[in-house]
Amino acid sequence: MTAILSLISAMIIGASDFGGGVASRRASPFAVAAWVQAASLGLLFVAVWFIDAPDIRTTDLTAGVVAGLSATFSYVALYAAFSRGKISLLAPVTATVGAVIPTLVGVGRGEALAAVNVVGIVFALAAIAFVTQDREGEGEATPPIAFGLALIAGVGFSVFFLALAETQNGAGLWPLVAARVVSVPLVIVIALMVGGVTTLSNNTRLIVIAAGIAEGVSSVCALWAYQRGPLAVAAVLGAFYPVSTVLLARLLLDERLRRVQLYGVILALVAIPLVAIP
């Protein structure tokens, strides 16, 4: 069940991130992040009453707050990266970082790494090196800052999911509600501070609302996957989301990759299951 939930979460969040990335090219990434998080919160506020929560603990809500804080900066960084470079390049970078860090956390907790897991980590690092080879002067090159933002987003999403893993089933969806209650006002405040509040067109608003609803559904699946465990399976299979993101970018935006970058994307997709093998 963990594997199924993680893969469902990955495919949905991949589409959500693509929508947010497209919207970030039309409006401020801060405004897009605020709308996406708000739409997600709206969905969760409705869904939370239909999911049994017999044992809500303070630790669950605290973990949700931590998840919300990390999600805020992660989404802002991710959309800022997408607004500056190729979505099909940057999504695998974020995903590979998000796959490797939980694995290393597991090792730090005493979990042993099999040889195939080590190979997966090496592939993941190589993938990052390959996809960042975007030669200047060949069309629209992806700047280094975009890759840096994608890396930051990957670290933040790792914290988000690791925090969710600390919750228990009896809390229902309340950890996610706590996360969004924190993230929505925070991202609005950040947007106001940096002057990132912009008016969205009707089409862009529809895109970000759809992305937010998809993000909410994906987060629910991810929460259930992490609560059931094991951590490595949930984290790494959940990092499969670049599959849908890259395909959508290729089909709808006609994003083309250099051969070395394509190898990097393929390596990233190969690395993810290798890291997950118990």
C-alpha atoms as a PDB file:
ATOM      1  CA  MET A   1       0.000   0.000   0.000  1.00  0.00           C
ATOM      2  CA  THR A   2       2.877   2.395   0.750  1.00  0.00           C
ATOM      3  CA  ALA A   3       4.286   1.975  -2.749  1.00  0.00           C
ATOM      4  CA  ILE A   4       0.896   2.520  -4.405  1.00  0.00           C
ATOM      5  CA  LEU A   5       0.108   5.619  -2.339  1.00  0.00           C
ATOM      6  CA  SER A   6       3.570   7.049  -2.994  1.00  0.00           C
ATOM      7  CA  LEU A   7       3.322   6.563  -6.748  1.00  0.00           C
ATOM      8  CA  ILE A   8      -0.177   8.079  -6.869  1.00  0.00           C
ATOM      9  CA  SER A   9       1.110  11.026  -4.853  1.00  0.00           C
ATOM     10  CA  ALA A  10       4.083  11.401  -7.188  1.00  0.00           C
ATOM     11  CA  MET A  11       2.085  11.451 -10.403  1.00  0.00           C
ATOM     12  CA  ILE A  12      -0.410  13.985  -9.028  1.00  0.00           C
ATOM     13  CA  ILE A  13       2.176  16.322  -7.511  1.00  0.00           C
ATOM     14  CA  GLY A  14       4.161  16.180 -10.742  1.00  0.00           C
ATOM     15  CA  ALA A  15       1.181  17.594 -12.619  1.00  0.00           C
ATOM     16  CA  SER A  16       0.633  20.145  -9.849  1.00  0.00           C
ATOM     17  CA  ASP A  17       4.236  21.324  -9.999  1.00  0.00           C
ATOM     18  CA  PHE A  18       4.007  21.653 -13.763  1.00  0.00           C
ATOM     19  CA  GLY A  19       0.928  23.837 -13.411  1.00  0.00           C
ATOM     20  CA  GLY A  20       2.621  25.946 -10.763  1.00  0.00           C
ATOM     21  CA  GLY A  21       5.708  26.253 -12.929  1.00  0.00           C
ATOM     22  CA  VAL A  22       3.712  27.445 -15.927  1.00  0.00           C
ATOM     23  CA  ALA A  23       1.848  29.960 -13.760  1.00  0.00           C
ATOM     24  CA  SER A  24       5.150  31.223 -12.325  1.00  0.00           C
ATOM     25  CA  ARG A  25       6.184  32.294 -15.807  1.00  0.00           C
ATOM     26  CA  ARG A  26       3.087  34.482 -16.012  1.00  0.00           C
ATOM     27  CA  ALA A  27       3.036  35.898 -12.470  1.00  0.00           C
ATOM     28  CA  SER A  28       5.173  36.206  -9.344  1.00  0.00           C
ATOM     29  CA  PRO A  29       6.303  32.830  -7.909  1.00  0.00           C
ATOM     30  CA  PHE A  30       5.283  34.171  -4.491  1.00  0.00           C
ATOM     31  CA  ALA A  31       1.740  34.881  -5.639  1.00  0.00           C
ATOM     32  CA  VAL A  32       1.539  31.474  -7.307  1.00  0.00           C
ATOM     33  CA  ALA A  33       2.791  29.714  -4.167  1.00  0.00           C
ATOM     34  CA  ALA A  34       0.223  31.581  -2.062  1.00  0.00           C
ATOM     35  CA  TRP A  35      -2.657  30.618  -4.354  1.00  0.00           C
ATOM     36  CA  VAL A  36      -1.550  26.986  -4.582  1.00  0.00           C
ATOM     37  CA  GLN A  37      -1.207  26.650  -0.816  1.00  0.00           C
ATOM     38  CA  ALA A  38      -4.542  28.393  -0.208  1.00  0.00           C
ATOM     39  CA  ALA A  39      -6.369  26.098  -2.645  1.00  0.00           C
ATOM     40  CA  SER A  40      -4.752  23.095  -0.977  1.00  0.00           C
ATOM     41  CA  LEU A  41      -5.863  24.354   2.444  1.00  0.00           C
ATOM     42  CA  GLY A  42      -9.423  24.798   1.187  1.00  0.00           C
ATOM     43  CA  LEU A  43      -9.533  21.185   0.025  1.00  0.00           C
ATOM     44  CA  LEU A  44      -8.044  19.917   3.291  1.00  0.00           C
ATOM     45  CA  PHE A  45     -10.512  21.923   5.390  1.00  0.00           C
ATOM     46  CA  VAL A  46     -13.330  20.043   3.674  1.00  0.00           C
ATOM     47  CA  ALA A  47     -11.678  16.606   3.618  1.00  0.00           C
ATOM     48  CA  VAL A  48     -10.512  16.660   7.246  1.00  0.00           C
ATOM     49  CA  TRP A  49     -14.077  16.235   8.531  1.00  0.00           C
ATOM     50  CA  PHE A  50     -14.576  13.043   6.531  1.00  0.00           C
ATOM     51  CA  ILE A  51     -11.432  11.282   7.806  1.00  0.00           C
ATOM     52  CA  ASP A  52     -11.539   9.744  11.268  1.00  0.00           C
ATOM     53  CA  ALA A  53      -9.033  11.261  13.720  1.00  0.00           C
ATOM     54  CA  PRO A  54      -9.459   9.444  17.069  1.00  0.00           C
ATOM     55  CA  ASP A  55      -6.050  10.327  18.505  1.00  0.00           C
ATOM     56  CA  ILE A  56      -4.753  13.808  17.696  1.00  0.00           C
ATOM     57  CA  ARG A  57      -1.564  14.539  19.622  1.00  0.00           C
ATOM     58  CA  THR A  58       0.404  17.723  20.108  1.00  0.00           C
ATOM     59  CA  THR A  59       3.413  16.067  18.480  1.00  0.00           C
ATOM     60  CA  ASP A  60       1.369  15.457  15.320  1.00  0.00           C
ATOM     61  CA  LEU A  61       0.375  19.105  15.059  1.00  0.00           C
ATOM     62  CA  THR A  62       3.939  20.211  15.826  1.00  0.00           C
ATOM     63  CA  ALA A  63       5.218  17.988  13.022  1.00  0.00           C
ATOM     64  CA  GLY A  64       2.592  19.562  10.782  1.00  0.00           C
ATOM     65  CA  VAL A  65       3.835  23.051  11.648  1.00  0.00           C
ATOM     66  CA  VAL A  66       7.413  22.029  10.795  1.00  0.00           C
ATOM     67  CA  ALA A  67       6.154  20.551   7.532  1.00  0.00           C
ATOM     68  CA  GLY A  68       4.299  23.769   6.760  1.00  0.00           C
ATOM     69  CA  LEU A  69       7.337  25.953   7.364  1.00  0.00           C
ATOM     70  CA  SER A  70       9.519  23.828   5.099  1.00  0.00           C
ATOM     71  CA  ALA A  71       6.812  23.585   2.426  1.00  0.00           C
ATOM     72  CA  THR A  72       6.525  27.364   2.269  1.00  0.00           C
ATOM     73  CA  PHE A  73      10.147  27.936   1.352  1.00  0.00           C
ATOM     74  CA  SER A  74      10.253  24.814  -0.817  1.00  0.00           C
ATOM     75  CA  TYR A  75       7.400  25.880  -3.074  1.00  0.00           C
ATOM     76  CA  VAL A  76       8.652  29.442  -3.372  1.00  0.00           C
ATOM     77  CA  ALA A  77      12.111  28.125  -4.317  1.00  0.00           C
ATOM     78  CA  LEU A  78      10.676  25.558  -6.735  1.00  0.00           C
ATOM     79  CA  TYR A  79       8.426  27.996  -8.577  1.00  0.00           C
ATOM     80  CA  ALA A  80      11.200  30.598  -8.662  1.00  0.00           C
ATOM     81  CA  ALA A  81      13.450  27.959 -10.244  1.00  0.00           C
ATOM     82  CA  PHE A  82      10.782  26.975 -12.775  1.00  0.00           C
ATOM     83  CA  SER A  83      10.278  30.615 -13.726  1.00  0.00           C
ATOM     84  CA  ARG A  84      13.990  30.888 -14.591  1.00  0.00           C
ATOM     85  CA  GLY A  85      14.747  27.643 -16.405  1.00  0.00           C
ATOM     86  CA  LYS A  86      13.514  24.446 -18.006  1.00  0.00           C
ATOM     87  CA  ILE A  87      10.981  22.573 -15.893  1.00  0.00           C
ATOM     88  CA  SER A  88      12.071  19.257 -17.424  1.00  0.00           C
ATOM     89  CA  LEU A  89      15.620  19.853 -16.124  1.00  0.00           C
ATOM     90  CA  LEU A  90      14.905  21.279 -12.715  1.00  0.00           C
ATOM     91  CA  ALA A  91      12.220  18.845 -11.532  1.00  0.00           C
ATOM     92  CA  PRO A  92      14.601  15.831 -11.560  1.00  0.00           C
ATOM     93  CA  VAL A  93      17.161  17.839  -9.560  1.00  0.00           C
ATOM     94  CA  THR A  94      14.635  18.552  -6.822  1.00  0.00           C
ATOM     95  CA  ALA A  95      13.402  14.963  -6.865  1.00  0.00           C
ATOM     96  CA  THR A  96      16.820  13.344  -6.597  1.00  0.00           C
ATOM     97  CA  VAL A  97      17.747  15.533  -3.629  1.00  0.00           C
ATOM     98  CA  GLY A  98      14.411  14.666  -2.064  1.00  0.00           C
ATOM     99  CA  ALA A  99      15.125  10.969  -2.567  1.00  0.00           C
ATOM    100  CA  VAL A 100      18.693  10.907  -1.245  1.00  0.00           C
ATOM    101  CA  ILE A 101      18.254  12.932   1.957  1.00  0.00           C
ATOM    102  CA  PRO A 102      15.602  10.687   3.584  1.00  0.00           C
ATOM    103  CA  THR A 103      17.780   7.698   2.766  1.00  0.00           C
ATOM    104  CA  LEU A 104      20.760   9.310   4.500  1.00  0.00           C
ATOM    105  CA  VAL A 105      18.527  10.146   7.466  1.00  0.00           C
ATOM    106  CA  GLY A 106      17.598   6.491   7.641  1.00  0.00           C
ATOM    107  CA  VAL A 107      21.276   5.547   7.668  1.00  0.00           C
ATOM    108  CA  GLY A 108      21.842   8.010  10.481  1.00  0.00           C
ATOM    109  CA  ARG A 109      19.115   6.237  12.442  1.00  0.00           C
ATOM    110  CA  GLY A 110      20.897   2.935  12.041  1.00  0.00           C
ATOM    111  CA  GLU A 111      19.315   1.606   8.864  1.00  0.00           C
ATOM    112  CA  ALA A 112      21.794  -0.302   6.694  1.00  0.00           C
ATOM    113  CA  LEU A 113      22.308   0.586   3.032  1.00  0.00           C
ATOM    114  CA  ALA A 114      22.455  -2.233   0.520  1.00  0.00           C
ATOM    115  CA  ALA A 115      24.929  -2.054  -2.346  1.00  0.00           C
ATOM    116  CA  VAL A 116      22.113  -1.287  -4.782  1.00  0.00           C
ATOM    117  CA  ASN A 117      21.093   1.708  -2.634  1.00  0.00           C
ATOM    118  CA  VAL A 118      24.638   3.076  -2.818  1.00  0.00           C
ATOM    119  CA  VAL A 119      24.565   2.658  -6.596  1.00  0.00           C
ATOM    120  CA  GLY A 120      21.279   4.554  -6.660  1.00  0.00           C
ATOM    121  CA  ILE A 121      22.742   7.450  -4.683  1.00  0.00           C
ATOM    122  CA  VAL A 122      25.742   7.615  -7.020  1.00  0.00           C
ATOM    123  CA  PHE A 123      23.397   7.625 -10.021  1.00  0.00           C
ATOM    124  CA  ALA A 124      21.345  10.388  -8.414  1.00  0.00           C
ATOM    125  CA  LEU A 125      24.387  12.592  -7.867  1.00  0.00           C
ATOM    126  CA  ALA A 126      25.571  11.916 -11.423  1.00  0.00           C
ATOM    127  CA  ALA A 127      22.114  12.812 -12.703  1.00  0.00           C
ATOM    128  CA  ILE A 128      22.296  16.208 -11.032  1.00  0.00           C
ATOM    129  CA  ALA A 129      25.705  16.815 -12.624  1.00  0.00           C
ATOM    130  CA  PHE A 130      24.408  15.830 -16.069  1.00  0.00           C
ATOM    131  CA  VAL A 131      21.193  17.828 -16.107  1.00  0.00           C
ATOM    132  CA  THR A 132      22.979  20.983 -14.996  1.00  0.00           C
ATOM    133  CA  GLN A 133      25.090  20.951 -18.176  1.00  0.00           C
ATOM    134  CA  ASP A 134      23.045  23.651 -19.892  1.00  0.00           C
ATOM    135  CA  ARG A 135      25.438  25.352 -22.313  1.00  0.00           C
ATOM    136  CA  GLU A 136      25.040  29.088 -22.655  1.00  0.00           C
ATOM    137  CA  GLY A 137      24.286  30.392 -26.096  1.00  0.00           C
ATOM    138  CA  GLU A 138      22.193  27.377 -27.095  1.00  0.00           C
ATOM    139  CA  GLY A 139      18.674  28.720 -26.940  1.00  0.00           C
ATOM    140  CA  GLU A 140      17.520  29.662 -23.467  1.00  0.00           C
ATOM    141  CA  ALA A 141      20.119  28.309 -21.050  1.00  0.00           C
ATOM    142  CA  THR A 142      19.036  27.516 -17.512  1.00  0.00           C
ATOM    143  CA  PRO A 143      21.064  29.768 -15.167  1.00  0.00           C
ATOM    144  CA  PRO A 144      22.976  28.380 -12.150  1.00  0.00           C
ATOM    145  CA  ILE A 145      20.630  30.154  -9.739  1.00  0.00           C
ATOM    146  CA  ALA A 146      17.746  28.047 -11.051  1.00  0.00           C
ATOM    147  CA  PHE A 147      19.620  24.842 -10.228  1.00  0.00           C
ATOM    148  CA  GLY A 148      20.497  26.245  -6.801  1.00  0.00           C
ATOM    149  CA  LEU A 149      16.848  27.013  -6.114  1.00  0.00           C
ATOM    150  CA  ALA A 150      15.881  23.510  -7.266  1.00  0.00           C
ATOM    151  CA  LEU A 151      18.398  22.031  -4.813  1.00  0.00           C
ATOM    152  CA  ILE A 152      17.013  24.170  -1.984  1.00  0.00           C
ATOM    153  CA  ALA A 153      13.499  23.028  -2.860  1.00  0.00           C
ATOM    154  CA  GLY A 154      14.630  19.401  -2.711  1.00  0.00           C
ATOM    155  CA  VAL A 155      16.081  19.877   0.772  1.00  0.00           C
ATOM    156  CA  GLY A 156      12.894  21.596   1.915  1.00  0.00           C
ATOM    157  CA  PHE A 157      10.626  18.881   0.577  1.00  0.00           C
ATOM    158  CA  SER A 158      12.772  16.293   2.362  1.00  0.00           C
ATOM    159  CA  VAL A 159      12.112  18.096   5.644  1.00  0.00           C
ATOM    160  CA  PHE A 160       8.403  18.285   4.783  1.00  0.00           C
ATOM    161  CA  PHE A 161       8.082  14.546   4.250  1.00  0.00           C
ATOM    162  CA  LEU A 162      10.337  13.604   7.156  1.00  0.00           C
ATOM    163  CA  ALA A 163       8.107  15.707   9.406  1.00  0.00           C
ATOM    164  CA  LEU A 164       5.001  13.940   8.119  1.00  0.00           C
ATOM    165  CA  ALA A 165       6.681  10.606   8.833  1.00  0.00           C
ATOM    166  CA  GLU A 166       6.735  11.548  12.530  1.00  0.00           C
ATOM    167  CA  THR A 167       2.925  11.686  12.703  1.00  0.00           C
ATOM    168  CA  GLN A 168       0.642   8.747  13.485  1.00  0.00           C
ATOM    169  CA  ASN A 169      -2.496   7.408  11.808  1.00  0.00           C
ATOM    170  CA  GLY A 170      -4.811   8.536  14.601  1.00  0.00           C
ATOM    171  CA  ALA A 171      -4.217  12.180  13.730  1.00  0.00           C
ATOM    172  CA  GLY A 172      -6.117  11.905  10.467  1.00  0.00           C
ATOM    173  CA  LEU A 173      -5.452  14.827   8.145  1.00  0.00           C
ATOM    174  CA  TRP A 174      -4.918  17.359  10.912  1.00  0.00           C
ATOM    175  CA  PRO A 175      -1.102  17.441  10.509  1.00  0.00           C
ATOM    176  CA  LEU A 176      -1.615  18.604   6.914  1.00  0.00           C
ATOM    177  CA  VAL A 177      -4.179  21.189   8.000  1.00  0.00           C
ATOM    178  CA  ALA A 178      -1.679  22.485  10.565  1.00  0.00           C
ATOM    179  CA  ALA A 179       0.963  22.638   7.840  1.00  0.00           C
ATOM    180  CA  ARG A 180      -1.223  24.687   5.516  1.00  0.00           C
ATOM    181  CA  VAL A 181      -2.509  26.982   8.280  1.00  0.00           C
ATOM    182  CA  VAL A 182       1.139  27.929   8.820  1.00  0.00           C
ATOM    183  CA  SER A 183       2.275  28.018   5.191  1.00  0.00           C
ATOM    184  CA  VAL A 184      -0.525  30.116   3.673  1.00  0.00           C
ATOM    185  CA  PRO A 185      -0.131  33.265   5.820  1.00  0.00           C
ATOM    186  CA  LEU A 186       3.648  32.873   5.837  1.00  0.00           C
ATOM    187  CA  VAL A 187       3.994  32.847   2.066  1.00  0.00           C
ATOM    188  CA  ILE A 188       1.633  35.833   1.838  1.00  0.00           C
ATOM    189  CA  VAL A 189       3.797  37.765   4.312  1.00  0.00           C
ATOM    190  CA  ILE A 190       6.934  36.865   2.351  1.00  0.00           C
ATOM    191  CA  ALA A 191       5.276  37.972  -0.876  1.00  0.00           C
ATOM    192  CA  LEU A 192       4.327  41.311   0.677  1.00  0.00           C
ATOM    193  CA  MET A 193       7.858  41.829   2.007  1.00  0.00           C
ATOM    194  CA  VAL A 194       9.522  41.271  -1.368  1.00  0.00           C
ATOM    195  CA  GLY A 195       6.840  42.929  -3.439  1.00  0.00           C
ATOM    196  CA  GLY A 196       5.801  39.654  -5.012  1.00  0.00           C
ATOM    197  CA  VAL A 197       2.046  40.165  -4.793  1.00  0.00           C
ATOM    198  CA  THR A 198       0.647  40.379  -8.306  1.00  0.00           C
ATOM    199  CA  THR A 199      -2.783  40.125  -9.881  1.00  0.00           C
ATOM    200  CA  LEU A 200      -3.395  36.851 -11.689  1.00  0.00           C
ATOM    201  CA  SER A 201      -5.290  36.599 -14.947  1.00  0.00           C
ATOM    202  CA  ASN A 202      -8.381  34.391 -14.973  1.00  0.00           C
ATOM    203  CA  ASN A 203      -6.583  31.610 -16.858  1.00  0.00           C
ATOM    204  CA  THR A 204      -3.588  31.712 -14.518  1.00  0.00           C
ATOM    205  CA  ARG A 205      -5.877  31.713 -11.488  1.00  0.00           C
ATOM    206  CA  LEU A 206      -7.618  28.577 -12.751  1.00  0.00           C
ATOM    207  CA  ILE A 207      -4.238  26.905 -13.271  1.00  0.00           C
ATOM    208  CA  VAL A 208      -3.016  27.625  -9.741  1.00  0.00           C
ATOM    209  CA  ILE A 209      -6.307  26.594  -8.128  1.00  0.00           C
ATOM    210  CA  ALA A 210      -6.184  23.285 -10.015  1.00  0.00           C
ATOM    211  CA  ALA A 211      -2.532  22.906  -8.996  1.00  0.00           C
ATOM    212  CA  GLY A 212      -3.456  23.577  -5.377  1.00  0.00           C
ATOM    213  CA  ILE A 213      -6.259  21.019  -5.335  1.00  0.00           C
ATOM    214  CA  ALA A 214      -3.921  18.465  -6.912  1.00  0.00           C
ATOM    215  CA  GLU A 215      -1.265  19.339  -4.324  1.00  0.00           C
ATOM    216  CA  GLY A 216      -3.768  18.724  -1.539  1.00  0.00           C
ATOM    217  CA  VAL A 217      -4.755  15.302  -2.884  1.00  0.00           C
ATOM    218  CA  SER A 218      -1.100  14.394  -3.369  1.00  0.00           C
ATOM    219  CA  SER A 219      -0.231  15.469   0.181  1.00  0.00           C
ATOM    220  CA  VAL A 220      -2.985  13.261   1.606  1.00  0.00           C
ATOM    221  CA  CYS A 221      -1.618  10.240  -0.276  1.00  0.00           C
ATOM    222  CA  ALA A 222       1.927  11.102   0.827  1.00  0.00           C
ATOM    223  CA  LEU A 223       0.852  11.462   4.468  1.00  0.00           C
ATOM    224  CA  TRP A 224      -0.761   8.036   4.467  1.00  0.00           C
ATOM    225  CA  ALA A 225       2.264   6.521   2.740  1.00  0.00           C
ATOM    226  CA  TYR A 226       4.729   7.994   5.245  1.00  0.00           C
ATOM    227  CA  GLN A 227       2.592   6.978   8.213  1.00  0.00           C
ATOM    228  CA  ARG A 228       2.548   3.388   6.997  1.00  0.00           C
ATOM    229  CA  GLY A 229       6.222   3.286   5.971  1.00  0.00           C
ATOM    230  CA  PRO A 230       8.876   2.164   5.399  1.00  0.00           C
ATOM    231  CA  LEU A 231      10.421   5.605   5.052  1.00  0.00           C
ATOM    232  CA  ALA A 232      12.788   4.801   2.170  1.00  0.00           C
ATOM    233  CA  VAL A 233      10.022   3.356  -0.002  1.00  0.00           C
ATOM    234  CA  ALA A 234       7.666   6.277   0.616  1.00  0.00           C
ATOM    235  CA  ALA A 235      10.361   8.906   0.080  1.00  0.00           C
ATOM    236  CA  VAL A 236      11.953   7.554  -3.050  1.00  0.00           C
ATOM    237  CA  LEU A 237       8.883   6.314  -4.887  1.00  0.00           C
ATOM    238  CA  GLY A 238       7.273   9.624  -4.022  1.00  0.00           C
ATOM    239  CA  ALA A 239      10.166  11.266  -5.854  1.00  0.00           C
ATOM    240  CA  PHE A 240       8.956   9.769  -9.136  1.00  0.00           C
ATOM    241  CA  TYR A 241       6.985  12.934  -9.813  1.00  0.00           C
ATOM    242  CA  PRO A 242       9.388  14.243 -12.510  1.00  0.00           C
ATOM    243  CA  VAL A 243       7.938  11.583 -14.806  1.00  0.00           C
ATOM    244  CA  SER A 244       4.682  13.489 -15.194  1.00  0.00           C
ATOM    245  CA  THR A 245       6.355  16.905 -14.899  1.00  0.00           C
ATOM    246  CA  VAL A 246       8.906  16.181 -17.643  1.00  0.00           C
ATOM    247  CA  LEU A 247       6.331  14.596 -19.951  1.00  0.00           C
ATOM    248  CA  LEU A 248       3.980  17.555 -19.596  1.00  0.00           C
ATOM    249  CA  ALA A 249       6.832  20.013 -20.196  1.00  0.00           C
ATOM    250  CA  ARG A 250       7.829  18.111 -23.323  1.00  0.00           C
ATOM    251  CA  LEU A 251       4.304  17.742 -24.689  1.00  0.00           C
ATOM    252  CA  LEU A 252       2.845  21.144 -23.791  1.00  0.00           C
ATOM    253  CA  LEU A 253       5.886  23.441 -23.687  1.00  0.00           C
ATOM    254  CA  ASP A 254       8.013  21.614 -26.262  1.00  0.00           C
ATOM    255  CA  GLU A 255      11.036  21.789 -23.958  1.00  0.00           C
ATOM    256  CA  ARG A 256      14.000  20.115 -25.627  1.00  0.00           C
ATOM    257  CA  LEU A 257      17.034  18.759 -23.801  1.00  0.00           C
ATOM    258  CA  ARG A 258      20.641  18.317 -24.877  1.00  0.00           C
ATOM    259  CA  ARG A 259      21.731  14.697 -25.070  1.00  0.00           C
ATOM    260  CA  VAL A 260      23.780  14.872 -21.867  1.00  0.00           C
ATOM    261  CA  GLN A 261      20.799  16.393 -20.070  1.00  0.00           C
ATOM    262  CA  LEU A 262      18.524  13.642 -21.345  1.00  0.00           C
ATOM    263  CA  TYR A 263      20.991  11.109 -19.945  1.00  0.00           C
ATOM    264  CA  GLY A 264      20.771  12.948 -16.639  1.00  0.00           C
ATOM    265  CA  VAL A 265      16.980  12.734 -16.570  1.00  0.00           C
ATOM    266  CA  ILE A 266      17.148   9.012 -17.387  1.00  0.00           C
ATOM    267  CA  LEU A 267      19.763   8.482 -14.663  1.00  0.00           C
ATOM    268  CA  ALA A 268      17.544  10.280 -12.169  1.00  0.00           C
ATOM    269  CA  LEU A 269      14.578   8.079 -13.014  1.00  0.00           C
ATOM    270  CA  VAL A 270      16.765   4.964 -12.711  1.00  0.00           C
ATOM    271  CA  ALA A 271      18.291   6.154  -9.437  1.00  0.00           C
ATOM    272  CA  ILE A 272      14.965   6.634  -7.675  1.00  0.00           C
ATOM    273  CA  PRO A 273      13.908   2.945  -7.544  1.00  0.00           C
ATOM    274  CA  LEU A 274      17.482   1.804  -6.850  1.00  0.00           C
ATOM    275  CA  VAL A 275      17.561   3.928  -3.716  1.00  0.00           C
ATOM    276  CA  ALA A 276      14.174   2.525  -2.685  1.00  0.00           C
ATOM    277  CA  ILE A 277      15.041  -1.183  -2.945  1.00  0.00           C
ATOM    278  CA  PRO A 278      15.144  -2.571   0.628  1.00  0.00           C
END
